[in-house]
C-alpha atoms as a PDB file:
ATOM      1  CA  MET A   1      10.702 -19.707 -96.612  1.00  0.00           C
ATOM      2  CA  ASN A   2       9.884 -20.718 -93.086  1.00  0.00           C
ATOM      3  CA  ALA A   3      12.726 -19.986 -89.464  1.00  0.00           C
ATOM      4  CA  LEU A   4      12.906 -20.281 -86.467  1.00  0.00           C
ATOM      5  CA  GLU A   5      14.463 -17.977 -84.442  1.00  0.00           C
ATOM      6  CA  LEU A   6      16.039 -18.366 -81.010  1.00  0.00           C
ATOM      7  CA  GLN A   7      18.798 -16.784 -78.650  1.00  0.00           C
ATOM      8  CA  ALA A   8      21.317 -19.172 -77.172  1.00  0.00           C
ATOM      9  CA  GLU A   9      24.035 -18.681 -75.206  1.00  0.00           C
ATOM     10  CA  ALA A  10      27.395 -17.553 -76.649  1.00  0.00           C
ATOM     11  CA  GLU A  11      29.133 -21.020 -75.932  1.00  0.00           C
ATOM     12  CA  PRO A  12      31.243 -23.253 -78.486  1.00  0.00           C
ATOM     13  CA  ASP A  13      28.466 -25.637 -78.151  1.00  0.00           C
ATOM     14  CA  SER A  14      25.791 -24.163 -78.352  1.00  0.00           C
ATOM     15  CA  LEU A  15      25.417 -23.856 -82.729  1.00  0.00           C
ATOM     16  CA  CYS A  16      25.837 -27.085 -82.708  1.00  0.00           C
ATOM     17  CA  ARG A  17      23.675 -28.428 -79.682  1.00  0.00           C
ATOM     18  CA  VAL A  18      20.968 -26.231 -82.217  1.00  0.00           C
ATOM     19  CA  LEU A  19      21.636 -27.935 -85.418  1.00  0.00           C
ATOM     20  CA  ASN A  20      21.667 -31.377 -83.685  1.00  0.00           C
ATOM     21  CA  LEU A  21      18.247 -31.197 -82.967  1.00  0.00           C
ATOM     22  CA  PHE A  22      17.864 -30.434 -86.992  1.00  0.00           C
ATOM     23  CA  ALA A  23      20.249 -33.110 -88.203  1.00  0.00           C
ATOM     24  CA  LEU A  24      17.950 -35.594 -85.876  1.00  0.00           C
ATOM     25  CA  GLN A  25      14.729 -34.825 -87.887  1.00  0.00           C
ATOM     26  CA  PHE A  26      16.701 -35.675 -90.924  1.00  0.00           C
ATOM     27  CA  LEU A  27      16.048 -31.521 -92.093  1.00  0.00           C
ATOM     28  CA  THR A  28      18.665 -29.664 -93.359  1.00  0.00           C
ATOM     29  CA  PRO A  29      18.153 -25.861 -92.652  1.00  0.00           C
ATOM     30  CA  HIS A  30      18.738 -23.486 -96.241  1.00  0.00           C
ATOM     31  CA  ARG A  31      20.109 -20.667 -94.249  1.00  0.00           C
ATOM     32  CA  VAL A  32      22.052 -20.127 -90.560  1.00  0.00           C
ATOM     33  CA  GLN A  33      22.286 -16.847 -89.471  1.00  0.00           C
ATOM     34  CA  VAL A  34      24.273 -16.049 -86.644  1.00  0.00           C
ATOM     35  CA  ASN A  35      25.348 -12.720 -84.931  1.00  0.00           C
ATOM     36  CA  GLN A  36      26.720 -12.486 -81.351  1.00  0.00           C
ATOM     37  CA  ARG A  37      25.394  -9.997 -78.980  1.00  0.00           C
ATOM     38  CA  ASP A  38      28.110 -10.091 -75.861  1.00  0.00           C
ATOM     39  CA  ASP A  39      26.589 -13.015 -73.999  1.00  0.00           C
ATOM     40  CA  LEU A  40      24.085 -14.260 -76.295  1.00  0.00           C
ATOM     41  CA  LEU A  41      23.837 -15.858 -79.951  1.00  0.00           C
ATOM     42  CA  ASP A  42      20.963 -14.713 -82.001  1.00  0.00           C
ATOM     43  CA  ILE A  43      20.254 -17.284 -84.340  1.00  0.00           C
ATOM     44  CA  GLU A  44      17.753 -17.694 -87.423  1.00  0.00           C
ATOM     45  CA  VAL A  45      17.323 -21.056 -88.940  1.00  0.00           C
ATOM     46  CA  GLY A  46      15.263 -21.308 -92.450  1.00  0.00           C
ATOM     47  CA  VAL A  47      13.921 -24.586 -93.474  1.00  0.00           C
ATOM     48  CA  ASP A  48      11.935 -25.039 -96.562  1.00  0.00           C
ATOM     49  CA  GLY A  49       8.553 -27.502 -96.562  1.00  0.00           C
ATOM     50  CA  LEU A  50       8.319 -27.509 -92.721  1.00  0.00           C
ATOM     51  CA  SER A  51       4.607 -28.118 -91.453  1.00  0.00           C
ATOM     52  CA  TRP A  52       3.298 -25.561 -88.028  1.00  0.00           C
ATOM     53  CA  HIS A  53       3.302 -28.957 -85.940  1.00  0.00           C
ATOM     54  CA  ARG A  54       6.795 -30.384 -87.274  1.00  0.00           C
ATOM     55  CA  ALA A  55       8.512 -26.774 -86.297  1.00  0.00           C
ATOM     56  CA  GLU A  56       6.456 -26.768 -82.969  1.00  0.00           C
ATOM     57  CA  VAL A  57       8.135 -29.997 -82.154  1.00  0.00           C
ATOM     58  CA  ILE A  58      11.400 -28.982 -83.180  1.00  0.00           C
ATOM     59  CA  ALA A  59      10.844 -25.318 -81.023  1.00  0.00           C
ATOM     60  CA  GLN A  60       9.940 -27.424 -78.387  1.00  0.00           C
ATOM     61  CA  LYS A  61      13.108 -29.812 -78.447  1.00  0.00           C
ATOM     62  CA  LEU A  62      14.925 -26.553 -78.516  1.00  0.00           C
ATOM     63  CA  ARG A  63      13.246 -24.700 -75.792  1.00  0.00           C
ATOM     64  CA  ASN A  64      14.764 -27.419 -73.708  1.00  0.00           C
ATOM     65  CA  LEU A  65      18.019 -26.884 -74.020  1.00  0.00           C
ATOM     66  CA  VAL A  66      20.081 -25.500 -71.210  1.00  0.00           C
ATOM     67  CA  CYS A  67      21.849 -23.075 -73.710  1.00  0.00           C
ATOM     68  CA  VAL A  68      18.660 -21.964 -75.465  1.00  0.00           C
ATOM     69  CA  GLY A  69      16.480 -19.080 -74.028  1.00  0.00           C
ATOM     70  CA  ASP A  70      14.032 -17.819 -76.271  1.00  0.00           C
ATOM     71  CA  VAL A  71      12.521 -19.661 -79.351  1.00  0.00           C
ATOM     72  CA  SER A  72      10.147 -18.399 -81.843  1.00  0.00           C
ATOM     73  CA  LEU A  73       8.266 -19.798 -84.865  1.00  0.00           C
ATOM     74  CA  GLU A  74       8.554 -16.955 -88.049  1.00  0.00           C
ATOM     75  CA  ASN A  75       6.526 -17.270 -91.142  1.00  0.00           C
ATOM     76  CA  MET A  76       4.369 -20.421 -90.367  1.00  0.00           C
ATOM     77  CA  PRO A  77       0.744 -20.388 -90.844  1.00  0.00           C
ATOM     78  CA  LYS A  78      -0.943 -21.881 -88.159  1.00  0.00           C
ATOM     79  CA  MET A  79      -3.468 -24.440 -88.788  1.00  0.00           C
ATOM     80  CA  VAL A  80      -6.306 -21.771 -87.570  1.00  0.00           C
ATOM     81  CA  GLU A  81      -4.602 -19.834 -90.661  1.00  0.00           C
ATOM     82  CA  LEU A  82      -4.608 -22.918 -92.673  1.00  0.00           C
ATOM     83  CA  ALA A  83      -8.072 -23.502 -92.554  1.00  0.00           C
ATOM     84  CA  ALA A  84      -9.166 -19.958 -92.662  1.00  0.00           C
ATOM     85  CA  GLY A  85      -7.405 -19.480 -95.720  1.00  0.00           C
END
């Protein structure tokens, strides 16, 4: 499973803003895990069948949200790895 991991401010609308970006791409996450740590939310969103390029586009959109800090892609093979594989 491919996943995007991010940190967001622990505000009431932060999770909705994050998940809305997936909805706008017509994607339904298979798994969403959220843990609150002080003033931050650790969020992991799992989406199967997501290409690296599309995941990177979503990650950039997430980074543009005011409430979101760090964003990383997990288990996403980059194009270089696919070509070498």
